[in-house]
Amino acid sequence: MPDTPPSEASDAASVVLPALSPAAGPVPLARTPGWLPWLVLILGGTAAVGLGLAWNTQQRLKALEPELVKRQQASQEQVTEARLLSKQAHDTAVETASKLSLLEARVAESALQRSQVEELISSLSRSRDESVVADVEAALRVAQQQAAITGSAEPLVAVLKQADERLARYNQPRLERVRRAVARDLDRVRSVALVDLPSLSIRLDEAVRLVDELPLLSTPERRSATRSVAPAAGASAVAAGSAPASASATGFTLPWGNAPWWQAWTRVGGDIWGEVRGLVRVTQIKQPEAMLIAPEQAFFLRENLKLRLLNARLALLSRQFDQAQTDLNQAQQSLDRYFDSSSRRVNSAQELVRQVASQSHQVVLPRPDDTLAALAAAAAGR
């Protein structure tokens, strides 16, 4: 160790020795500051106040302890009751959830059943519409075939009327378009002028009946026989008229003018005069071949004319208007060539044949295309 100076060593000995030496006398205390008692007093007061507050707090705590215990017990009871209510609420919620799930399942089942019922109703409605459409279409096609076979529009008119009445009773908006198409086709069918075959057949039958009574150009005896009464009546009228005329011209009458024998003589003279006039007949004949027909050939001529008229009648009934026109034209030529045109019966037969020929023409029946198109659209669901 280094050497310490003597002055420093003596100072250190003088400082340390009093503390280490037990035999040394009391060391004088240092002077106490003046604020220390006050500090002690304040600390003591603070301690007293703290003790008082602690005691008061302890008393209050002792007083609050029963209340706290009571409240804790009440809180415990409320917690227990809350737990019970919570458990009940949980059970109720679980039960409600199960009921709700059951109700949802039933609602879903009801919705499914409702959708199935609606589909069933719609399918029934569609099937009913489809059946109506199919029935109307089938009836129209059958009526169209019947009209084509018979040549009459009555089957089409009847079926269209029935379809209109059925659609009106059905009253389905989906088929309103079909009903309008039926009305249009019905108006178009009614507007067509068709051949009245029954009346034409009756006229041809009447013409066939008149053939046996028609006078020929080559048989004057038939004509004189049919008109024998007329010349006699004309002669008597002429004779009867000549007497008054002559009497009126001369200014006097014959004294025997009203005598029975005079009237008888006048009648006999008129008959004789009529017979004499019937012996000679002057006729202008445009077809000389009509006079070449022998009396025994007149029967075959009439029968051929009947066959022509009957063939025309069969052709009309079978809707062969071209063949009917050919037979009627040949019958008309036979009437004009071989029969007496000055006879009223011949004129009647010619007029009947002419009327039948003018009315025998092919008529195209209208097709119910609008109704068939509307039915096809309805069947397709458009």
Protein backbone atom coordinates (compact mmCIF):
# COMPACT_ATOMS: atom_id res chain seq x y z
CA MET A 1 0.00 0.00 0.00
CA PRO A 2 1.27 3.57 -0.53
CA ASP A 3 2.27 5.63 2.38
CA THR A 4 -0.38 8.05 3.78
CA PRO A 5 0.68 11.59 4.84
CA PRO A 6 0.79 12.22 8.66
CA SER A 7 -1.76 15.05 8.64
CA GLU A 8 -4.43 13.02 6.85
CA ALA A 9 -3.80 10.02 9.10
CA SER A 10 -4.25 12.08 12.25
CA ASP A 11 -7.52 13.55 10.96
CA ALA A 12 -8.90 10.14 10.16
CA ALA A 13 -7.91 8.83 13.59
CA SER A 14 -9.60 11.77 15.25
CA VAL A 15 -12.83 11.10 13.41
CA VAL A 16 -12.99 7.32 13.73
CA LEU A 17 -11.73 6.76 17.19
CA PRO A 18 -14.67 8.30 19.08
CA ALA A 19 -17.05 5.93 17.33
CA LEU A 20 -14.89 2.83 17.92
CA SER A 21 -13.93 3.47 21.41
CA PRO A 22 -16.38 2.22 24.05
CA ALA A 23 -14.88 4.19 26.83
CA ALA A 24 -15.49 7.50 25.25
CA GLY A 25 -18.08 9.83 26.82
CA PRO A 26 -21.50 10.89 25.23
CA VAL A 27 -21.39 12.70 22.06
CA PRO A 28 -23.30 15.94 22.07
CA LEU A 29 -26.56 15.82 19.86
CA ALA A 30 -27.13 18.15 17.00
CA ARG A 31 -29.83 20.85 17.24
CA THR A 32 -33.49 19.66 16.35
CA PRO A 33 -35.30 21.65 13.58
CA GLY A 34 -38.49 23.63 14.55
CA TRP A 35 -40.97 22.15 12.03
CA LEU A 36 -40.47 18.57 13.18
CA PRO A 37 -43.00 18.72 16.05
CA TRP A 38 -45.58 20.16 13.76
CA LEU A 39 -44.93 17.42 11.35
CA VAL A 40 -45.30 14.85 14.05
CA LEU A 41 -48.51 16.49 15.18
CA ILE A 42 -49.95 16.53 11.68
CA LEU A 43 -48.99 12.94 11.15
CA GLY A 44 -50.59 11.99 14.43
CA GLY A 45 -53.77 13.86 13.56
CA THR A 46 -53.86 12.30 10.17
CA ALA A 47 -53.35 8.88 11.75
CA ALA A 48 -56.17 9.58 14.20
CA VAL A 49 -58.49 10.73 11.44
CA GLY A 50 -57.51 7.68 9.39
CA LEU A 51 -58.22 5.47 12.38
CA GLY A 52 -61.57 7.15 12.85
CA LEU A 53 -62.44 6.78 9.24
CA ALA A 54 -61.33 3.17 9.30
CA TRP A 55 -63.43 2.52 12.35
CA ASN A 56 -66.42 4.28 10.79
CA THR A 57 -65.90 2.37 7.62
CA GLN A 58 -65.67 -0.83 9.59
CA GLN A 59 -68.93 0.00 11.37
CA ARG A 60 -70.62 0.78 8.09
CA LEU A 61 -69.28 -2.39 6.61
CA LYS A 62 -70.66 -4.30 9.60
CA ALA A 63 -73.99 -2.56 9.08
CA LEU A 64 -73.97 -3.21 5.33
CA GLU A 65 -72.89 -6.81 5.68
CA PRO A 66 -76.37 -8.15 6.60
CA GLU A 67 -77.91 -6.08 3.83
CA LEU A 68 -75.32 -7.40 1.42
CA VAL A 69 -76.00 -10.92 2.60
CA LYS A 70 -79.73 -10.38 2.24
CA ARG A 71 -79.24 -8.91 -1.20
CA GLN A 72 -76.91 -11.69 -2.14
CA GLN A 73 -79.49 -14.21 -1.01
CA ALA A 74 -82.17 -12.34 -2.96
CA SER A 75 -79.87 -12.20 -5.94
CA GLN A 76 -79.20 -15.89 -5.58
CA GLU A 77 -82.91 -16.59 -5.43
CA GLN A 78 -83.44 -14.35 -8.47
CA VAL A 79 -80.60 -16.11 -10.24
CA THR A 80 -82.15 -19.46 -9.37
CA GLU A 81 -85.55 -18.23 -10.52
CA ALA A 82 -83.96 -16.75 -13.62
CA ARG A 83 -82.28 -20.04 -14.30
CA LEU A 84 -85.59 -21.83 -13.84
CA LEU A 85 -87.31 -19.34 -16.10
CA SER A 86 -84.47 -19.57 -18.53
CA LYS A 87 -84.78 -23.33 -18.53
CA GLN A 88 -88.52 -23.04 -19.01
CA ALA A 89 -87.97 -20.50 -21.76
CA HIS A 90 -85.41 -22.81 -23.32
CA ASP A 91 -87.84 -25.72 -23.12
CA THR A 92 -90.58 -23.49 -24.53
CA ALA A 93 -88.26 -22.31 -27.28
CA VAL A 94 -87.32 -25.87 -28.10
CA GLU A 95 -90.98 -26.89 -28.12
CA THR A 96 -91.85 -23.82 -30.20
CA ALA A 97 -89.02 -24.59 -32.58
CA SER A 98 -90.26 -28.16 -32.94
CA LYS A 99 -93.81 -26.94 -33.47
CA LEU A 100 -92.55 -24.35 -35.91
CA SER A 101 -90.62 -26.95 -37.83
CA LEU A 102 -93.73 -29.15 -37.83
CA LEU A 103 -95.82 -26.22 -39.03
CA GLU A 104 -93.27 -25.42 -41.70
CA ALA A 105 -93.35 -29.04 -42.81
CA ARG A 106 -97.13 -28.95 -42.93
CA VAL A 107 -97.09 -25.62 -44.77
CA ALA A 108 -94.62 -27.07 -47.25
CA GLU A 109 -96.83 -30.15 -47.60
CA SER A 110 -99.89 -27.92 -48.05
CA ALA A 111 -98.05 -25.85 -50.65
CA LEU A 112 -97.03 -29.03 -52.44
CA GLN A 113 -100.59 -30.34 -52.34
CA ARG A 114 -101.88 -26.98 -53.56
CA SER A 115 -99.43 -26.97 -56.45
CA GLN A 116 -100.44 -30.54 -57.26
CA VAL A 117 -104.12 -29.59 -57.14
CA GLU A 118 -103.48 -26.57 -59.37
CA GLU A 119 -101.56 -28.71 -61.81
CA LEU A 120 -104.37 -31.26 -61.74
CA ILE A 121 -106.97 -28.56 -62.34
CA SER A 122 -104.92 -27.04 -65.13
CA SER A 123 -104.36 -30.48 -66.65
CA LEU A 124 -108.09 -31.19 -66.40
CA SER A 125 -108.82 -27.82 -67.98
CA ARG A 126 -106.28 -28.47 -70.70
CA SER A 127 -107.64 -31.94 -71.30
CA ARG A 128 -111.17 -30.51 -71.51
CA ASP A 129 -110.02 -27.85 -73.95
CA GLU A 130 -108.15 -30.45 -75.95
CA SER A 131 -111.21 -32.73 -76.03
CA VAL A 132 -113.40 -29.85 -77.25
CA VAL A 133 -110.83 -28.93 -79.89
CA ALA A 134 -110.47 -32.55 -81.00
CA ASP A 135 -114.25 -33.07 -81.18
CA VAL A 136 -114.82 -29.91 -83.20
CA GLU A 137 -111.97 -30.72 -85.57
CA ALA A 138 -113.17 -34.30 -86.11
CA ALA A 139 -116.74 -33.12 -86.73
CA LEU A 140 -115.50 -30.51 -89.21
CA ARG A 141 -113.46 -33.03 -91.17
CA VAL A 142 -116.39 -35.48 -91.34
CA ALA A 143 -118.73 -32.68 -92.44
CA GLN A 144 -116.23 -31.60 -95.07
CA GLN A 145 -116.14 -35.12 -96.49
CA GLN A 146 -119.94 -35.32 -96.48
CA ALA A 147 -120.18 -31.96 -98.24
CA ALA A 148 -117.68 -33.11 -100.87
CA ILE A 149 -119.66 -36.34 -101.46
CA THR A 150 -123.16 -34.83 -101.50
CA GLY A 151 -122.25 -31.45 -102.98
CA SER A 152 -124.32 -29.71 -100.34
CA ALA A 153 -123.16 -27.19 -97.77
CA GLU A 154 -125.72 -28.31 -95.20
CA PRO A 155 -123.31 -30.66 -93.33
CA LEU A 156 -120.73 -27.89 -92.98
CA VAL A 157 -123.35 -25.33 -91.90
CA ALA A 158 -124.82 -27.71 -89.30
CA VAL A 159 -121.41 -28.64 -87.84
CA LEU A 160 -120.25 -25.01 -87.71
CA LYS A 161 -123.47 -24.01 -85.93
CA GLN A 162 -123.04 -26.81 -83.40
CA ALA A 163 -119.40 -25.82 -82.84
CA ASP A 164 -120.37 -22.19 -82.29
CA GLU A 165 -123.09 -23.14 -79.78
CA ARG A 166 -120.73 -25.52 -77.94
CA LEU A 167 -117.97 -22.92 -77.68
CA ALA A 168 -120.51 -20.33 -76.49
CA ARG A 169 -121.67 -22.68 -73.71
CA TYR A 170 -118.07 -23.55 -72.83
CA ASN A 171 -117.14 -19.83 -72.52
CA GLN A 172 -113.38 -20.33 -72.44
CA PRO A 173 -111.31 -17.22 -73.30
CA ARG A 174 -108.59 -19.49 -74.66
CA LEU A 175 -110.98 -20.67 -77.41
CA GLU A 176 -112.43 -17.26 -78.29
CA ARG A 177 -110.19 -17.14 -81.37
CA VAL A 178 -111.64 -20.44 -82.53
CA ARG A 179 -115.17 -19.10 -82.13
CA ARG A 180 -114.40 -16.04 -84.26
CA ALA A 181 -112.90 -18.29 -86.96
CA VAL A 182 -116.05 -20.47 -86.86
CA ALA A 183 -118.23 -17.37 -87.36
CA ARG A 184 -116.16 -16.29 -90.38
CA ASP A 185 -116.27 -19.74 -92.00
CA LEU A 186 -120.02 -19.99 -91.35
CA ASP A 187 -120.67 -16.67 -93.10
CA ARG A 188 -118.48 -17.73 -96.03
CA VAL A 189 -120.24 -21.10 -96.43
CA ARG A 190 -123.67 -19.49 -96.26
CA SER A 191 -122.76 -16.96 -98.94
CA VAL A 192 -122.06 -19.67 -101.55
CA ALA A 193 -124.94 -20.34 -103.97
CA LEU A 194 -125.12 -24.10 -104.38
CA VAL A 195 -126.92 -26.24 -106.93
CA ASP A 196 -130.36 -27.35 -105.82
CA LEU A 197 -130.13 -30.95 -106.96
CA PRO A 198 -133.58 -32.06 -105.72
CA SER A 199 -135.37 -29.35 -107.69
CA LEU A 200 -133.29 -30.09 -110.81
CA SER A 201 -134.12 -33.79 -110.48
CA ILE A 202 -137.82 -32.95 -110.21
CA ARG A 203 -137.63 -30.82 -113.38
CA LEU A 204 -135.90 -33.61 -115.28
CA ASP A 205 -138.53 -36.08 -114.11
CA GLU A 206 -141.22 -33.72 -115.36
CA ALA A 207 -139.44 -33.44 -118.72
CA VAL A 208 -139.21 -37.25 -118.94
CA ARG A 209 -142.92 -37.50 -118.22
CA LEU A 210 -143.72 -35.03 -121.00
CA VAL A 211 -141.69 -36.90 -123.66
CA ASP A 212 -144.50 -39.33 -124.50
CA GLU A 213 -146.93 -36.45 -125.09
CA LEU A 214 -144.67 -34.29 -127.28
CA PRO A 215 -145.79 -34.01 -130.93
CA LEU A 216 -143.24 -34.86 -133.60
CA LEU A 217 -142.79 -32.96 -136.86
CA SER A 218 -143.25 -36.20 -138.79
CA THR A 219 -146.62 -37.11 -137.25
CA PRO A 220 -149.23 -34.53 -138.36
CA GLU A 221 -152.10 -36.78 -137.28
CA ARG A 222 -151.05 -36.33 -133.67
CA ARG A 223 -150.95 -32.60 -134.10
CA SER A 224 -154.38 -32.56 -135.81
CA ALA A 225 -155.76 -34.79 -133.12
CA THR A 226 -154.45 -32.54 -130.39
CA ARG A 227 -155.88 -29.49 -132.15
CA SER A 228 -159.10 -30.96 -133.58
CA VAL A 229 -161.20 -29.20 -130.99
CA ALA A 230 -159.63 -25.80 -131.62
CA PRO A 231 -160.37 -25.57 -135.38
CA ALA A 232 -163.95 -26.70 -134.84
CA ALA A 233 -164.43 -24.14 -132.12
CA GLY A 234 -162.80 -21.52 -134.35
CA ALA A 235 -164.97 -22.40 -137.33
CA SER A 236 -168.15 -22.28 -135.28
CA ALA A 237 -167.04 -19.00 -133.80
CA VAL A 238 -166.29 -17.67 -137.26
CA ALA A 239 -169.63 -18.86 -138.57
CA ALA A 240 -171.46 -17.51 -135.55
CA GLY A 241 -169.60 -14.25 -135.82
CA SER A 242 -170.10 -13.93 -139.56
CA ALA A 243 -173.86 -14.11 -139.25
CA PRO A 244 -174.18 -11.21 -136.82
CA ALA A 245 -171.57 -9.30 -138.77
CA SER A 246 -173.48 -9.74 -142.03
CA ALA A 247 -176.70 -8.97 -140.24
CA SER A 248 -175.23 -5.85 -138.76
CA ALA A 249 -173.77 -4.90 -142.15
CA THR A 250 -177.12 -5.39 -144.01
CA GLY A 251 -179.15 -3.99 -141.19
CA PHE A 252 -181.47 -7.02 -140.82
CA THR A 253 -181.31 -10.53 -139.44
CA LEU A 254 -182.30 -13.81 -141.03
CA PRO A 255 -185.63 -15.02 -139.82
CA TRP A 256 -184.25 -18.57 -139.42
CA GLY A 257 -181.07 -17.47 -137.70
CA ASN A 258 -182.29 -18.74 -134.34
CA ALA A 259 -183.80 -21.90 -135.67
CA PRO A 260 -182.45 -25.19 -134.30
CA TRP A 261 -181.87 -26.71 -137.73
CA TRP A 262 -179.81 -23.67 -138.71
CA GLN A 263 -177.62 -23.93 -135.63
CA ALA A 264 -177.15 -27.65 -136.23
CA TRP A 265 -176.23 -27.02 -139.85
CA THR A 266 -173.77 -24.31 -138.81
CA ARG A 267 -172.11 -26.66 -136.33
CA VAL A 268 -171.84 -29.47 -138.86
CA GLY A 269 -170.47 -27.07 -141.44
CA GLY A 270 -167.87 -25.85 -138.97
CA ASP A 271 -166.79 -29.43 -138.23
CA ILE A 272 -166.50 -30.21 -141.90
CA TRP A 273 -164.51 -27.07 -142.49
CA GLY A 274 -162.15 -27.90 -139.62
CA GLU A 275 -161.55 -31.39 -141.03
CA VAL A 276 -160.90 -29.98 -144.47
CA ARG A 277 -158.39 -27.50 -143.07
CA GLY A 278 -156.65 -30.30 -141.13
CA LEU A 279 -156.08 -32.31 -144.27
CA VAL A 280 -153.60 -29.83 -145.63
CA ARG A 281 -150.84 -28.33 -143.50
CA VAL A 282 -148.01 -26.10 -144.66
CA THR A 283 -145.01 -26.13 -142.30
CA GLN A 284 -141.55 -24.66 -142.65
CA ILE A 285 -139.06 -27.30 -141.49
CA LYS A 286 -135.48 -26.25 -140.90
CA GLN A 287 -134.29 -29.85 -140.37
CA PRO A 288 -135.44 -31.98 -143.29
CA GLU A 289 -134.19 -35.13 -141.60
CA ALA A 290 -137.02 -34.82 -139.07
CA MET A 291 -139.51 -35.72 -141.81
CA LEU A 292 -137.54 -38.85 -142.69
CA ILE A 293 -138.28 -40.56 -139.37
CA ALA A 294 -140.58 -43.50 -139.86
CA PRO A 295 -143.56 -43.92 -137.50
CA GLU A 296 -142.02 -47.07 -136.00
CA GLN A 297 -138.84 -45.09 -135.23
CA ALA A 298 -140.69 -42.45 -133.21
CA PHE A 299 -140.82 -44.84 -130.26
CA PHE A 300 -137.05 -45.26 -130.23
CA LEU A 301 -136.58 -41.50 -130.63
CA ARG A 302 -138.66 -40.83 -127.55
CA GLU A 303 -136.90 -43.59 -125.58
CA ASN A 304 -133.49 -42.21 -126.53
CA LEU A 305 -134.59 -38.76 -125.39
CA LYS A 306 -135.75 -40.25 -122.07
CA LEU A 307 -132.40 -42.02 -121.69
CA ARG A 308 -130.55 -38.75 -122.28
CA LEU A 309 -132.60 -37.00 -119.64
CA LEU A 310 -132.20 -39.86 -117.15
CA ASN A 311 -128.46 -39.97 -117.78
CA ALA A 312 -128.31 -36.23 -117.12
CA ARG A 313 -130.23 -36.78 -113.89
CA LEU A 314 -127.81 -39.51 -112.74
CA ALA A 315 -124.84 -37.32 -113.69
CA LEU A 316 -126.24 -34.46 -111.60
CA LEU A 317 -126.77 -36.75 -108.62
CA SER A 318 -123.21 -38.09 -108.96
CA ARG A 319 -121.81 -34.52 -109.23
CA GLN A 320 -120.61 -35.04 -112.83
CA PHE A 321 -121.72 -31.70 -114.22
CA ASP A 322 -119.76 -31.97 -117.48
CA GLN A 323 -121.48 -35.22 -118.40
CA ALA A 324 -124.83 -33.74 -117.38
CA GLN A 325 -124.25 -30.71 -119.62
CA THR A 326 -123.40 -32.99 -122.55
CA ASP A 327 -126.58 -35.07 -122.12
CA LEU A 328 -128.73 -31.97 -121.66
CA ASN A 329 -127.30 -30.34 -124.79
CA GLN A 330 -128.02 -33.47 -126.84
CA ALA A 331 -131.54 -33.65 -125.41
CA GLN A 332 -132.07 -29.99 -126.27
CA GLN A 333 -130.88 -30.61 -129.83
CA SER A 334 -133.27 -33.55 -130.17
CA LEU A 335 -136.18 -31.44 -128.97
CA ASP A 336 -135.31 -28.65 -131.39
CA ARG A 337 -134.78 -30.99 -134.35
CA TYR A 338 -137.51 -33.64 -134.19
CA PHE A 339 -140.37 -32.12 -132.19
CA ASP A 340 -142.87 -29.45 -133.05
CA SER A 341 -141.69 -26.19 -131.52
CA SER A 342 -145.12 -24.59 -131.94
CA SER A 343 -146.56 -26.92 -129.28
CA ARG A 344 -146.78 -25.62 -125.77
CA ARG A 345 -145.75 -28.96 -124.32
CA VAL A 346 -142.60 -28.96 -126.43
CA ASN A 347 -141.89 -25.42 -125.32
CA SER A 348 -142.41 -26.46 -121.70
CA ALA A 349 -140.02 -29.41 -122.10
CA GLN A 350 -137.45 -27.21 -123.80
CA GLU A 351 -137.73 -24.61 -121.03
CA LEU A 352 -137.28 -27.29 -118.35
CA VAL A 353 -134.18 -28.68 -120.05
CA ARG A 354 -132.82 -25.17 -120.56
CA GLN A 355 -133.32 -24.26 -116.89
CA VAL A 356 -131.61 -27.45 -115.72
CA ALA A 357 -128.69 -26.85 -118.08
CA SER A 358 -128.26 -23.25 -116.93
CA GLN A 359 -128.24 -24.24 -113.25
CA SER A 360 -126.05 -27.34 -113.58
CA HIS A 361 -122.58 -26.04 -112.95
CA GLN A 362 -119.74 -27.04 -110.71
CA VAL A 363 -119.60 -25.13 -107.40
CA VAL A 364 -116.50 -25.30 -105.22
CA LEU A 365 -117.47 -25.54 -101.59
CA PRO A 366 -115.42 -23.33 -99.29
CA ARG A 367 -113.12 -25.08 -96.85
CA PRO A 368 -113.18 -24.12 -93.16
CA ASP A 369 -109.47 -23.30 -93.23
CA ASP A 370 -109.71 -20.48 -90.63
CA THR A 371 -111.42 -22.76 -88.13
CA LEU A 372 -108.95 -25.61 -88.71
CA ALA A 373 -106.00 -23.22 -88.30
CA ALA A 374 -107.47 -21.78 -85.09
CA LEU A 375 -108.08 -25.29 -83.75
CA ALA A 376 -104.49 -26.30 -84.54
CA ALA A 377 -103.20 -23.20 -82.75
CA ALA A 378 -105.41 -23.92 -79.73
CA ALA A 379 -104.26 -27.55 -79.62
CA ALA A 380 -100.63 -26.39 -79.72
CA GLY A 381 -101.26 -24.12 -76.71
CA ARG A 382 -100.58 -20.81 -78.43
